[in-house]
N, C-alpha and C. Protein backbone atom coordinates (compact mmCIF):
# COMPACT_ATOMS: atom_id res chain seq x y z
N MET A 1 144.27 84.37 79.62
CA MET A 1 143.21 83.49 79.14
C MET A 1 141.95 84.29 78.85
N LYS A 2 141.65 85.21 79.79
CA LYS A 2 140.47 86.03 79.63
C LYS A 2 140.60 86.92 78.40
N HIS A 3 141.78 87.48 78.21
CA HIS A 3 142.00 88.35 77.05
C HIS A 3 141.89 87.56 75.75
N ARG A 4 142.31 86.30 75.79
CA ARG A 4 142.24 85.48 74.59
C ARG A 4 140.78 85.24 74.20
N LYS A 5 139.91 84.93 75.16
CA LYS A 5 138.49 84.71 74.88
C LYS A 5 137.84 85.96 74.31
N THR A 6 138.23 87.12 74.89
CA THR A 6 137.67 88.37 74.40
C THR A 6 138.10 88.63 72.96
N ALA A 7 139.33 88.31 72.66
CA ALA A 7 139.84 88.51 71.30
C ALA A 7 139.14 87.59 70.31
N LEU A 8 138.92 86.35 70.71
CA LEU A 8 138.23 85.40 69.84
C LEU A 8 136.79 85.83 69.58
N LEU A 9 136.12 86.33 70.62
CA LEU A 9 134.75 86.80 70.47
C LEU A 9 134.69 87.99 69.53
N ALA A 10 135.64 88.91 69.69
CA ALA A 10 135.68 90.08 68.82
C ALA A 10 135.93 89.67 67.38
N LEU A 11 136.81 88.68 67.20
CA LEU A 11 137.10 88.20 65.85
C LEU A 11 135.87 87.56 65.22
N ALA A 12 135.11 86.81 66.02
CA ALA A 12 133.90 86.17 65.51
C ALA A 12 132.88 87.21 65.08
N VAL A 13 132.76 88.30 65.89
CA VAL A 13 131.82 89.36 65.54
C VAL A 13 132.24 90.03 64.24
N VAL A 14 133.53 90.30 64.10
CA VAL A 14 134.03 90.95 62.88
C VAL A 14 133.78 90.07 61.67
N MET A 15 134.02 88.76 61.81
CA MET A 15 133.80 87.84 60.70
C MET A 15 132.32 87.75 60.33
N ALA A 16 131.47 87.77 61.35
CA ALA A 16 130.04 87.70 61.09
C ALA A 16 129.56 88.94 60.37
N VAL A 17 130.07 90.11 60.83
CA VAL A 17 129.68 91.36 60.18
C VAL A 17 130.17 91.38 58.74
N GLY A 18 131.39 90.88 58.54
CA GLY A 18 131.94 90.87 57.19
C GLY A 18 131.27 89.87 56.27
N ALA A 19 130.59 88.89 56.82
CA ALA A 19 129.92 87.88 56.00
C ALA A 19 128.74 88.45 55.24
N GLY A 20 128.16 89.52 55.73
CA GLY A 20 127.04 90.14 55.04
C GLY A 20 125.69 89.67 55.54
N PRO A 21 124.62 90.36 55.11
CA PRO A 21 123.27 90.05 55.60
C PRO A 21 122.77 88.67 55.17
N GLU A 22 123.19 88.21 54.00
CA GLU A 22 122.72 86.90 53.53
C GLU A 22 123.15 85.79 54.48
N ALA A 23 124.39 85.90 54.98
CA ALA A 23 124.87 84.88 55.92
C ALA A 23 124.07 84.90 57.20
N TRP A 24 123.77 86.10 57.68
CA TRP A 24 122.94 86.21 58.88
C TRP A 24 121.54 85.66 58.63
N ALA A 25 121.01 85.96 57.46
CA ALA A 25 119.66 85.48 57.13
C ALA A 25 119.62 83.96 57.12
N LYS A 26 120.62 83.34 56.53
CA LYS A 26 120.68 81.88 56.51
C LYS A 26 120.80 81.31 57.91
N LEU A 27 121.58 82.00 58.75
CA LEU A 27 121.73 81.56 60.13
C LEU A 27 120.40 81.62 60.86
N PHE A 28 119.68 82.73 60.67
CA PHE A 28 118.37 82.88 61.33
C PHE A 28 117.39 81.81 60.83
N MET A 29 117.43 81.50 59.54
CA MET A 29 116.54 80.47 59.00
C MET A 29 116.87 79.10 59.59
N ARG A 30 118.18 78.84 59.78
CA ARG A 30 118.59 77.55 60.33
C ARG A 30 118.15 77.36 61.77
N VAL A 31 118.12 78.45 62.52
CA VAL A 31 117.73 78.35 63.93
C VAL A 31 116.23 78.55 64.12
N GLY A 32 115.48 78.63 63.02
CA GLY A 32 114.02 78.75 63.11
C GLY A 32 113.53 80.13 63.46
N ALA A 33 114.18 81.16 62.92
CA ALA A 33 113.76 82.53 63.17
C ALA A 33 113.54 83.25 61.83
N PRO A 34 112.51 82.85 61.05
CA PRO A 34 112.29 83.45 59.74
C PRO A 34 111.94 84.94 59.81
N ALA A 35 111.33 85.37 60.92
CA ALA A 35 110.98 86.78 61.05
C ALA A 35 112.23 87.66 61.09
N LEU A 36 113.30 87.17 61.71
CA LEU A 36 114.56 87.91 61.75
C LEU A 36 115.29 87.82 60.40
N ALA A 37 115.10 86.72 59.71
CA ALA A 37 115.80 86.53 58.44
C ALA A 37 115.17 87.33 57.31
N LEU A 38 113.84 87.51 57.34
CA LEU A 38 113.13 88.11 56.22
C LEU A 38 113.65 89.47 55.79
N PRO A 39 113.90 90.42 56.71
CA PRO A 39 114.39 91.74 56.27
C PRO A 39 115.75 91.70 55.58
N LEU A 40 116.49 90.64 55.80
CA LEU A 40 117.84 90.53 55.24
C LEU A 40 117.87 89.77 53.92
N LEU A 41 116.76 89.19 53.52
CA LEU A 41 116.73 88.34 52.34
C LEU A 41 116.41 89.14 51.08
N THR A 42 117.13 88.84 50.02
CA THR A 42 116.87 89.46 48.72
C THR A 42 116.53 88.42 47.65
N ASP A 43 116.86 87.16 47.90
CA ASP A 43 116.57 86.09 46.95
C ASP A 43 115.11 85.67 47.07
N ASP A 44 114.40 85.62 45.94
CA ASP A 44 112.96 85.32 45.95
C ASP A 44 112.66 83.93 46.52
N ALA A 45 113.48 82.96 46.19
CA ALA A 45 113.23 81.60 46.67
C ALA A 45 113.32 81.53 48.20
N THR A 46 114.36 82.15 48.76
CA THR A 46 114.52 82.13 50.21
C THR A 46 113.47 83.00 50.89
N ARG A 47 113.14 84.13 50.27
CA ARG A 47 112.07 84.97 50.82
C ARG A 47 110.75 84.21 50.83
N GLY A 48 110.48 83.48 49.75
CA GLY A 48 109.25 82.70 49.71
C GLY A 48 109.20 81.67 50.82
N ALA A 49 110.33 81.02 51.08
CA ALA A 49 110.37 80.03 52.16
C ALA A 49 110.13 80.68 53.52
N ALA A 50 110.73 81.85 53.74
CA ALA A 50 110.54 82.56 55.01
C ALA A 50 109.09 83.01 55.17
N LEU A 51 108.52 83.55 54.11
CA LEU A 51 107.12 83.99 54.16
C LEU A 51 106.18 82.82 54.40
N TYR A 52 106.49 81.68 53.80
CA TYR A 52 105.66 80.49 54.02
C TYR A 52 105.73 80.06 55.48
N GLU A 53 106.93 80.08 56.06
CA GLU A 53 107.08 79.71 57.46
C GLU A 53 106.32 80.66 58.37
N LEU A 54 106.20 81.91 57.96
CA LEU A 54 105.48 82.91 58.77
C LEU A 54 103.97 82.87 58.54
N GLY A 55 103.51 82.02 57.62
CA GLY A 55 102.08 81.92 57.36
C GLY A 55 101.56 82.99 56.42
N ARG A 56 102.44 83.70 55.75
CA ARG A 56 102.03 84.73 54.79
C ARG A 56 102.03 84.10 53.40
N TYR A 57 101.02 83.26 53.18
CA TYR A 57 101.02 82.38 52.02
C TYR A 57 100.85 83.11 50.69
N ALA A 58 100.02 84.14 50.65
CA ALA A 58 99.83 84.88 49.40
C ALA A 58 101.13 85.55 48.96
N GLU A 59 101.85 86.13 49.91
CA GLU A 59 103.13 86.76 49.59
C GLU A 59 104.17 85.72 49.19
N ALA A 60 104.13 84.58 49.86
CA ALA A 60 105.05 83.50 49.51
C ALA A 60 104.77 83.00 48.10
N ASP A 61 103.49 82.91 47.75
CA ASP A 61 103.14 82.46 46.40
C ASP A 61 103.66 83.42 45.34
N SER A 62 103.55 84.72 45.61
CA SER A 62 104.07 85.72 44.67
C SER A 62 105.58 85.58 44.52
N ALA A 63 106.26 85.33 45.63
CA ALA A 63 107.72 85.17 45.57
C ALA A 63 108.10 83.93 44.75
N PHE A 64 107.40 82.83 44.98
CA PHE A 64 107.71 81.61 44.22
C PHE A 64 107.33 81.75 42.75
N GLU A 65 106.30 82.53 42.48
CA GLU A 65 105.93 82.77 41.08
C GLU A 65 107.06 83.50 40.35
N ALA A 66 107.70 84.43 41.06
CA ALA A 66 108.82 85.16 40.46
C ALA A 66 110.03 84.25 40.23
N VAL A 67 110.16 83.21 41.05
CA VAL A 67 111.29 82.29 40.89
C VAL A 67 111.17 81.52 39.58
N GLY A 68 109.95 81.05 39.29
CA GLY A 68 109.74 80.33 38.05
C GLY A 68 109.72 78.83 38.21
N ARG A 69 110.22 78.13 37.21
CA ARG A 69 110.08 76.69 37.11
C ARG A 69 110.70 75.92 38.26
N SER A 70 111.79 76.40 38.80
CA SER A 70 112.47 75.67 39.87
C SER A 70 111.67 75.66 41.17
N ALA A 71 110.64 76.49 41.26
CA ALA A 71 109.80 76.54 42.46
C ALA A 71 108.42 75.93 42.21
N THR A 72 108.34 75.01 41.25
CA THR A 72 107.05 74.40 40.90
C THR A 72 106.41 73.71 42.10
N PHE A 73 107.19 72.92 42.82
CA PHE A 73 106.65 72.21 43.99
C PHE A 73 106.21 73.20 45.06
N ASP A 74 107.02 74.24 45.29
CA ASP A 74 106.69 75.24 46.31
C ASP A 74 105.39 75.97 45.96
N ARG A 75 105.19 76.25 44.68
CA ARG A 75 103.96 76.91 44.27
C ARG A 75 102.76 75.99 44.49
N GLY A 76 102.96 74.70 44.31
CA GLY A 76 101.87 73.77 44.61
C GLY A 76 101.43 73.90 46.06
N LEU A 77 102.39 74.08 46.96
CA LEU A 77 102.06 74.25 48.38
C LEU A 77 101.36 75.57 48.65
N THR A 78 101.92 76.67 48.12
CA THR A 78 101.34 77.98 48.42
C THR A 78 99.96 78.14 47.78
N LEU A 79 99.78 77.59 46.58
CA LEU A 79 98.46 77.66 45.95
C LEU A 79 97.43 76.89 46.75
N ALA A 80 97.84 75.77 47.32
CA ALA A 80 96.93 75.01 48.17
C ALA A 80 96.56 75.80 49.42
N MET A 81 97.54 76.46 50.02
CA MET A 81 97.29 77.23 51.24
C MET A 81 96.46 78.47 50.98
N THR A 82 96.48 78.98 49.74
CA THR A 82 95.65 80.15 49.41
C THR A 82 94.29 79.75 48.85
N GLY A 83 94.03 78.43 48.76
CA GLY A 83 92.70 77.96 48.37
C GLY A 83 92.50 77.69 46.90
N ASP A 84 93.53 77.84 46.08
CA ASP A 84 93.39 77.54 44.65
C ASP A 84 93.77 76.08 44.42
N TYR A 85 92.85 75.19 44.80
CA TYR A 85 93.15 73.76 44.78
C TYR A 85 93.37 73.19 43.37
N PRO A 86 92.52 73.54 42.38
CA PRO A 86 92.76 72.98 41.04
C PRO A 86 94.12 73.36 40.47
N LEU A 87 94.53 74.63 40.63
CA LEU A 87 95.82 75.05 40.11
C LEU A 87 96.96 74.42 40.91
N SER A 88 96.73 74.22 42.20
CA SER A 88 97.73 73.55 43.03
C SER A 88 97.98 72.13 42.53
N VAL A 89 96.90 71.40 42.25
CA VAL A 89 97.04 70.04 41.72
C VAL A 89 97.76 70.05 40.38
N ALA A 90 97.48 71.06 39.56
CA ALA A 90 98.16 71.17 38.26
C ALA A 90 99.66 71.36 38.45
N TYR A 91 100.05 72.16 39.44
CA TYR A 91 101.48 72.36 39.70
C TYR A 91 102.14 71.09 40.24
N PHE A 92 101.42 70.37 41.09
CA PHE A 92 101.97 69.09 41.57
C PHE A 92 102.12 68.10 40.42
N ASP A 93 101.15 68.09 39.51
CA ASP A 93 101.24 67.21 38.35
C ASP A 93 102.46 67.56 37.50
N ALA A 94 102.68 68.86 37.32
CA ALA A 94 103.84 69.29 36.53
C ALA A 94 105.15 68.87 37.21
N TYR A 95 105.18 68.99 38.53
CA TYR A 95 106.38 68.59 39.26
C TYR A 95 106.59 67.08 39.18
N LEU A 96 105.50 66.32 39.35
CA LEU A 96 105.60 64.87 39.35
C LEU A 96 105.90 64.31 37.96
N PHE A 97 105.66 65.10 36.94
CA PHE A 97 105.98 64.64 35.59
C PHE A 97 107.47 64.32 35.46
N SER A 98 108.29 65.10 36.13
CA SER A 98 109.73 64.86 36.07
C SER A 98 110.29 64.30 37.38
N ASN A 99 109.42 64.16 38.38
CA ASN A 99 109.85 63.60 39.67
C ASN A 99 108.79 62.61 40.15
N ARG A 100 108.50 61.63 39.32
CA ARG A 100 107.35 60.75 39.55
C ARG A 100 107.44 59.92 40.82
N PHE A 101 108.63 59.72 41.35
CA PHE A 101 108.79 58.87 42.53
C PHE A 101 108.90 59.67 43.83
N ASP A 102 108.61 60.96 43.78
CA ASP A 102 108.65 61.80 44.97
C ASP A 102 107.40 61.53 45.80
N GLU A 103 107.54 60.74 46.86
CA GLU A 103 106.38 60.35 47.66
C GLU A 103 105.75 61.53 48.37
N GLY A 104 106.58 62.49 48.80
CA GLY A 104 106.04 63.67 49.46
C GLY A 104 105.13 64.46 48.54
N ALA A 105 105.55 64.63 47.30
CA ALA A 105 104.73 65.35 46.32
C ALA A 105 103.46 64.57 46.00
N GLN A 106 103.57 63.26 45.94
CA GLN A 106 102.39 62.43 45.67
C GLN A 106 101.37 62.57 46.79
N ARG A 107 101.84 62.55 48.04
CA ARG A 107 100.92 62.69 49.17
C ARG A 107 100.29 64.07 49.20
N SER A 108 101.09 65.09 48.90
CA SER A 108 100.56 66.46 48.89
C SER A 108 99.50 66.61 47.82
N ARG A 109 99.77 66.06 46.64
CA ARG A 109 98.80 66.16 45.56
C ARG A 109 97.50 65.46 45.93
N ALA A 110 97.61 64.26 46.49
CA ALA A 110 96.42 63.50 46.87
C ALA A 110 95.60 64.24 47.92
N ALA A 111 96.28 64.87 48.87
CA ALA A 111 95.58 65.61 49.93
C ALA A 111 94.83 66.80 49.35
N VAL A 112 95.46 67.52 48.43
CA VAL A 112 94.81 68.69 47.83
C VAL A 112 93.68 68.27 46.91
N ALA A 113 93.89 67.18 46.15
CA ALA A 113 92.86 66.72 45.21
C ALA A 113 91.57 66.37 45.93
N ARG A 114 91.66 65.89 47.17
CA ARG A 114 90.46 65.55 47.93
C ARG A 114 89.64 66.78 48.31
N LEU A 115 90.25 67.95 48.24
CA LEU A 115 89.54 69.18 48.60
C LEU A 115 88.78 69.79 47.43
N ILE A 116 89.00 69.27 46.23
CA ILE A 116 88.33 69.81 45.04
C ILE A 116 86.92 69.24 44.96
N VAL A 117 85.93 70.11 44.87
CA VAL A 117 84.54 69.67 44.76
C VAL A 117 84.29 69.23 43.32
N PRO A 118 83.86 67.98 43.09
CA PRO A 118 83.64 67.52 41.72
C PRO A 118 82.48 68.27 41.06
N VAL A 119 82.62 68.52 39.78
CA VAL A 119 81.57 69.20 39.01
C VAL A 119 80.69 68.15 38.38
N VAL A 120 79.39 68.18 38.71
CA VAL A 120 78.44 67.21 38.18
C VAL A 120 77.51 67.94 37.22
N GLY A 121 77.55 67.57 35.97
CA GLY A 121 76.70 68.21 34.96
C GLY A 121 75.36 67.51 34.85
N GLU A 122 74.43 68.14 34.13
CA GLU A 122 73.12 67.57 33.89
C GLU A 122 72.98 67.34 32.39
N ALA A 123 72.86 66.09 31.99
CA ALA A 123 72.83 65.76 30.57
C ALA A 123 71.45 65.92 29.99
N MET A 124 71.37 65.84 28.64
CA MET A 124 70.09 65.93 27.95
C MET A 124 69.51 64.54 27.69
N GLY A 125 70.14 63.50 28.21
CA GLY A 125 69.66 62.15 27.94
C GLY A 125 68.54 61.74 28.88
N HIS A 126 68.78 60.69 29.65
CA HIS A 126 67.74 60.16 30.53
C HIS A 126 67.78 60.82 31.90
N GLY A 127 68.29 62.01 31.99
CA GLY A 127 68.47 62.66 33.27
C GLY A 127 67.38 63.63 33.64
N ARG A 128 67.75 64.56 34.51
CA ARG A 128 66.78 65.44 35.14
C ARG A 128 66.15 66.42 34.18
N ILE A 129 66.95 67.00 33.26
CA ILE A 129 66.41 68.05 32.38
C ILE A 129 65.28 67.51 31.53
N ARG A 130 65.50 66.33 30.93
CA ARG A 130 64.46 65.78 30.08
C ARG A 130 63.21 65.44 30.89
N ALA A 131 63.40 64.96 32.12
CA ALA A 131 62.26 64.63 32.96
C ALA A 131 61.43 65.86 33.28
N VAL A 132 62.12 66.98 33.58
CA VAL A 132 61.41 68.22 33.89
C VAL A 132 60.63 68.72 32.69
N LEU A 133 61.26 68.69 31.51
CA LEU A 133 60.59 69.16 30.30
C LEU A 133 59.43 68.26 29.93
N ASN A 134 59.61 66.96 30.08
CA ASN A 134 58.52 66.04 29.77
C ASN A 134 57.33 66.26 30.68
N ALA A 135 57.61 66.61 31.93
CA ALA A 135 56.52 66.89 32.86
C ALA A 135 55.72 68.11 32.44
N SER A 136 56.37 69.00 31.66
CA SER A 136 55.70 70.20 31.16
C SER A 136 55.08 69.97 29.79
N GLY A 137 55.11 68.74 29.30
CA GLY A 137 54.53 68.43 28.00
C GLY A 137 55.46 68.64 26.84
N LEU A 138 56.75 68.83 27.09
CA LEU A 138 57.72 69.04 26.03
C LEU A 138 58.65 67.84 25.94
N THR A 139 59.15 67.61 24.75
CA THR A 139 60.07 66.50 24.52
C THR A 139 61.37 67.03 23.97
N THR A 140 62.49 66.56 24.51
CA THR A 140 63.79 67.01 24.03
C THR A 140 64.27 66.13 22.88
N GLU A 141 65.04 66.73 22.00
CA GLU A 141 65.63 66.01 20.88
C GLU A 141 67.14 66.18 20.94
N ALA A 142 67.89 65.10 20.82
CA ALA A 142 69.34 65.20 20.74
C ALA A 142 69.74 65.77 19.39
N PHE A 143 70.82 66.55 19.36
CA PHE A 143 71.27 67.12 18.10
C PHE A 143 71.72 66.02 17.16
N ASP A 144 71.23 66.09 15.93
CA ASP A 144 71.53 65.08 14.92
C ASP A 144 72.36 65.72 13.82
N PRO A 145 73.66 65.40 13.68
CA PRO A 145 74.48 66.02 12.64
C PRO A 145 74.01 65.70 11.24
N GLU A 146 73.25 64.58 11.07
CA GLU A 146 72.73 64.23 9.75
C GLU A 146 71.42 64.95 9.45
N ASN A 147 70.85 65.55 10.45
CA ASN A 147 69.58 66.26 10.27
C ASN A 147 69.60 67.52 11.12
N PRO A 148 70.49 68.48 10.79
CA PRO A 148 70.71 69.64 11.67
C PRO A 148 69.52 70.57 11.79
N GLU A 149 68.57 70.47 10.83
CA GLU A 149 67.42 71.36 10.91
C GLU A 149 66.40 70.90 11.93
N LEU A 150 66.59 69.72 12.48
CA LEU A 150 65.66 69.21 13.48
C LEU A 150 65.73 70.05 14.74
N THR A 151 64.59 70.51 15.24
CA THR A 151 64.56 71.33 16.45
C THR A 151 64.86 70.46 17.66
N LEU A 152 65.46 71.09 18.66
CA LEU A 152 65.80 70.36 19.88
C LEU A 152 64.60 70.18 20.80
N MET A 153 63.53 70.92 20.53
CA MET A 153 62.31 70.77 21.31
C MET A 153 61.22 70.34 20.35
N SER A 154 60.47 69.31 20.71
CA SER A 154 59.46 68.79 19.81
C SER A 154 58.22 68.44 20.60
N SER A 155 57.05 68.65 19.98
CA SER A 155 55.80 68.27 20.61
C SER A 155 55.36 66.88 20.17
N GLU A 156 56.13 66.27 19.26
CA GLU A 156 55.81 64.92 18.80
C GLU A 156 56.09 63.92 19.92
N ARG A 157 55.04 63.24 20.37
CA ARG A 157 55.19 62.32 21.48
C ARG A 157 55.49 60.89 21.03
N ASN A 158 55.34 60.61 19.75
CA ASN A 158 55.57 59.26 19.26
C ASN A 158 57.05 59.09 18.95
N ALA A 159 57.78 58.42 19.83
CA ALA A 159 59.23 58.31 19.66
C ALA A 159 59.59 57.53 18.41
N ALA A 160 58.76 56.52 18.05
CA ALA A 160 59.07 55.73 16.87
C ALA A 160 58.97 56.56 15.61
N ARG A 161 57.96 57.48 15.55
CA ARG A 161 57.81 58.34 14.37
C ARG A 161 58.89 59.39 14.34
N ARG A 162 59.31 59.92 15.51
CA ARG A 162 60.35 60.94 15.53
C ARG A 162 61.68 60.37 15.06
N SER A 163 61.88 59.07 15.27
CA SER A 163 63.16 58.48 14.90
C SER A 163 63.29 58.25 13.41
N ILE A 164 62.19 58.40 12.65
CA ILE A 164 62.25 58.26 11.20
C ILE A 164 62.64 59.60 10.60
N LYS A 165 63.71 59.66 9.85
CA LYS A 165 64.22 60.90 9.30
C LYS A 165 64.54 60.72 7.83
N ARG A 166 64.78 61.80 7.16
CA ARG A 166 65.08 61.75 5.74
C ARG A 166 66.57 61.88 5.52
N GLY A 167 67.12 61.06 4.61
CA GLY A 167 68.52 61.14 4.26
C GLY A 167 68.76 62.14 3.15
N VAL A 168 69.95 62.13 2.60
CA VAL A 168 70.30 63.10 1.56
C VAL A 168 69.51 62.85 0.29
N ASP A 169 69.04 61.60 0.06
CA ASP A 169 68.25 61.32 -1.14
C ASP A 169 66.76 61.40 -0.84
N ASN A 170 66.42 62.02 0.26
CA ASN A 170 65.04 62.30 0.64
C ASN A 170 64.26 61.03 0.98
N GLU A 171 64.93 59.91 1.19
CA GLU A 171 64.22 58.71 1.57
C GLU A 171 64.15 58.63 3.09
N ARG A 172 63.11 57.99 3.56
CA ARG A 172 62.90 57.90 5.00
C ARG A 172 63.70 56.71 5.54
N THR A 173 64.49 56.98 6.55
CA THR A 173 65.28 55.93 7.18
C THR A 173 65.01 55.93 8.67
N LEU A 174 65.36 54.87 9.31
CA LEU A 174 65.08 54.72 10.74
C LEU A 174 66.37 54.83 11.52
N SER A 175 66.37 55.67 12.56
CA SER A 175 67.53 55.82 13.42
C SER A 175 67.22 55.18 14.77
N ALA A 176 68.01 54.23 15.16
CA ALA A 176 67.78 53.54 16.44
C ALA A 176 68.37 54.34 17.58
N GLY A 177 67.75 55.49 17.86
CA GLY A 177 68.22 56.34 18.94
C GLY A 177 67.67 55.90 20.28
N ASP A 178 68.06 56.63 21.35
CA ASP A 178 67.61 56.27 22.70
C ASP A 178 66.10 56.37 22.83
N ASP A 179 65.51 57.47 22.27
CA ASP A 179 64.06 57.64 22.39
C ASP A 179 63.32 56.51 21.68
N TRP A 180 63.83 56.14 20.50
CA TRP A 180 63.18 55.07 19.74
C TRP A 180 63.26 53.75 20.50
N LEU A 181 64.42 53.48 21.08
CA LEU A 181 64.57 52.25 21.85
C LEU A 181 63.67 52.24 23.07
N ASP A 182 63.51 53.43 23.71
CA ASP A 182 62.65 53.51 24.88
C ASP A 182 61.20 53.24 24.53
N ALA A 183 60.81 53.54 23.27
CA ALA A 183 59.41 53.37 22.86
C ALA A 183 59.07 51.91 22.58
N LEU A 184 60.07 51.06 22.42
CA LEU A 184 59.83 49.65 22.11
C LEU A 184 59.38 48.89 23.35
N ALA A 185 58.55 47.90 23.11
CA ALA A 185 58.13 47.04 24.22
C ALA A 185 59.31 46.21 24.69
N ASP A 186 59.32 45.93 25.97
CA ASP A 186 60.41 45.14 26.54
C ASP A 186 60.13 43.66 26.29
N ALA A 187 60.27 43.25 25.02
CA ALA A 187 59.97 41.87 24.65
C ALA A 187 61.04 41.38 23.69
N PRO A 188 61.38 40.10 23.74
CA PRO A 188 62.40 39.58 22.83
C PRO A 188 61.99 39.76 21.37
N GLY A 189 62.89 40.26 20.55
CA GLY A 189 62.62 40.42 19.13
C GLY A 189 61.90 41.69 18.75
N ALA A 190 61.54 42.55 19.73
CA ALA A 190 60.79 43.77 19.40
C ALA A 190 61.62 44.71 18.54
N TYR A 191 62.89 44.86 18.87
CA TYR A 191 63.76 45.74 18.09
C TYR A 191 63.89 45.22 16.66
N LEU A 192 64.16 43.92 16.52
CA LEU A 192 64.35 43.34 15.19
C LEU A 192 63.08 43.47 14.35
N GLN A 193 61.92 43.20 14.94
CA GLN A 193 60.66 43.30 14.21
C GLN A 193 60.42 44.72 13.73
N SER A 194 60.64 45.69 14.60
CA SER A 194 60.43 47.09 14.22
C SER A 194 61.41 47.51 13.13
N ARG A 195 62.64 47.03 13.23
CA ARG A 195 63.64 47.38 12.22
C ARG A 195 63.27 46.80 10.87
N LEU A 196 62.78 45.55 10.84
CA LEU A 196 62.36 44.93 9.59
C LEU A 196 61.16 45.64 9.00
N GLU A 197 60.22 46.05 9.84
CA GLU A 197 59.06 46.78 9.34
C GLU A 197 59.46 48.10 8.72
N ALA A 198 60.43 48.78 9.34
CA ALA A 198 60.90 50.04 8.79
C ALA A 198 61.58 49.83 7.44
N GLU A 199 62.34 48.75 7.31
CA GLU A 199 63.01 48.45 6.05
C GLU A 199 61.99 48.12 4.97
N MET A 200 60.95 47.37 5.34
CA MET A 200 59.90 47.04 4.37
C MET A 200 59.17 48.29 3.92
N GLU A 201 58.92 49.23 4.83
CA GLU A 201 58.27 50.48 4.46
C GLU A 201 59.13 51.26 3.48
N ARG A 202 60.44 51.26 3.71
CA ARG A 202 61.34 51.97 2.80
C ARG A 202 61.30 51.35 1.41
N ARG A 203 61.27 50.03 1.34
CA ARG A 203 61.23 49.35 0.05
C ARG A 203 59.91 49.58 -0.66
N ARG A 204 58.82 49.63 0.09
CA ARG A 204 57.52 49.90 -0.53
C ARG A 204 57.49 51.28 -1.15
N VAL A 205 58.05 52.27 -0.42
CA VAL A 205 58.08 53.63 -0.94
C VAL A 205 58.91 53.70 -2.21
N ASN A 206 60.01 52.97 -2.26
CA ASN A 206 60.89 52.98 -3.44
C ASN A 206 60.41 52.08 -4.56
N GLY A 207 59.39 51.26 -4.28
CA GLY A 207 58.89 50.34 -5.29
C GLY A 207 59.76 49.13 -5.49
N THR A 208 60.61 48.83 -4.53
CA THR A 208 61.52 47.68 -4.68
C THR A 208 61.09 46.50 -3.83
N ALA A 209 60.00 46.63 -3.12
CA ALA A 209 59.55 45.53 -2.27
C ALA A 209 58.87 44.47 -3.11
N ALA A 210 59.01 43.23 -2.71
CA ALA A 210 58.33 42.13 -3.42
C ALA A 210 56.84 42.22 -3.17
N GLN A 211 56.04 41.92 -4.20
CA GLN A 211 54.59 41.96 -4.05
C GLN A 211 54.13 40.84 -3.13
N GLN A 212 53.20 41.17 -2.26
CA GLN A 212 52.69 40.16 -1.34
C GLN A 212 51.81 39.18 -2.09
N GLU A 213 52.05 37.89 -1.93
CA GLU A 213 51.27 36.88 -2.62
C GLU A 213 49.92 36.68 -1.95
N ALA A 214 48.94 36.30 -2.78
CA ALA A 214 47.59 36.07 -2.24
C ALA A 214 47.61 34.91 -1.26
N ASP A 215 48.29 33.85 -1.63
CA ASP A 215 48.41 32.68 -0.77
C ASP A 215 49.85 32.61 -0.26
N ARG A 216 50.06 32.94 0.98
CA ARG A 216 51.40 33.03 1.54
C ARG A 216 52.05 31.66 1.62
N TRP A 217 51.29 30.56 1.53
CA TRP A 217 51.84 29.21 1.63
C TRP A 217 51.87 28.56 0.25
């Protein structure tokens, strides 16, 4: 009986040796010993998994990068662990494009997305930049594709006059821009009255306005 057990043990050792290093590596990975498995691994995907388990995230990311498309989800994880959150979210998005119902990937993406600091820009409209320039006595002008020669900085403080521009036929027209609207009084009909006055001025310049009667009644 004793000799039989010894023979079986010897046979198991011979079979294990004959199985090769990959078999041993898989065995070590299954029992939770990635450090023992790593020296025996030659496949990039398995090496990446072992390196990830060991906390060597940058090396794991390089291994998964070499794998290519089939390691898209794994790269999302390693990129997150190395701090590249925007690219990590992009990889999760790519993975979810073809695996939209993968709840684990959805949760991972949401967790990483919360770590991205939002970029807040400063506009040229009613925001901080215009307020700072106005405090210095300068007025900003929005770029006008119909009047490209207009400078973006102007000392003209009358918003209603700045909003009057010349068209291709050199006639003066009124543009109801933000600055012009801001210059109007906050009263019912102010916009309409100003618009009608501008139209009447245009007709007077062109000579097409009706002559004002002496007795309006």
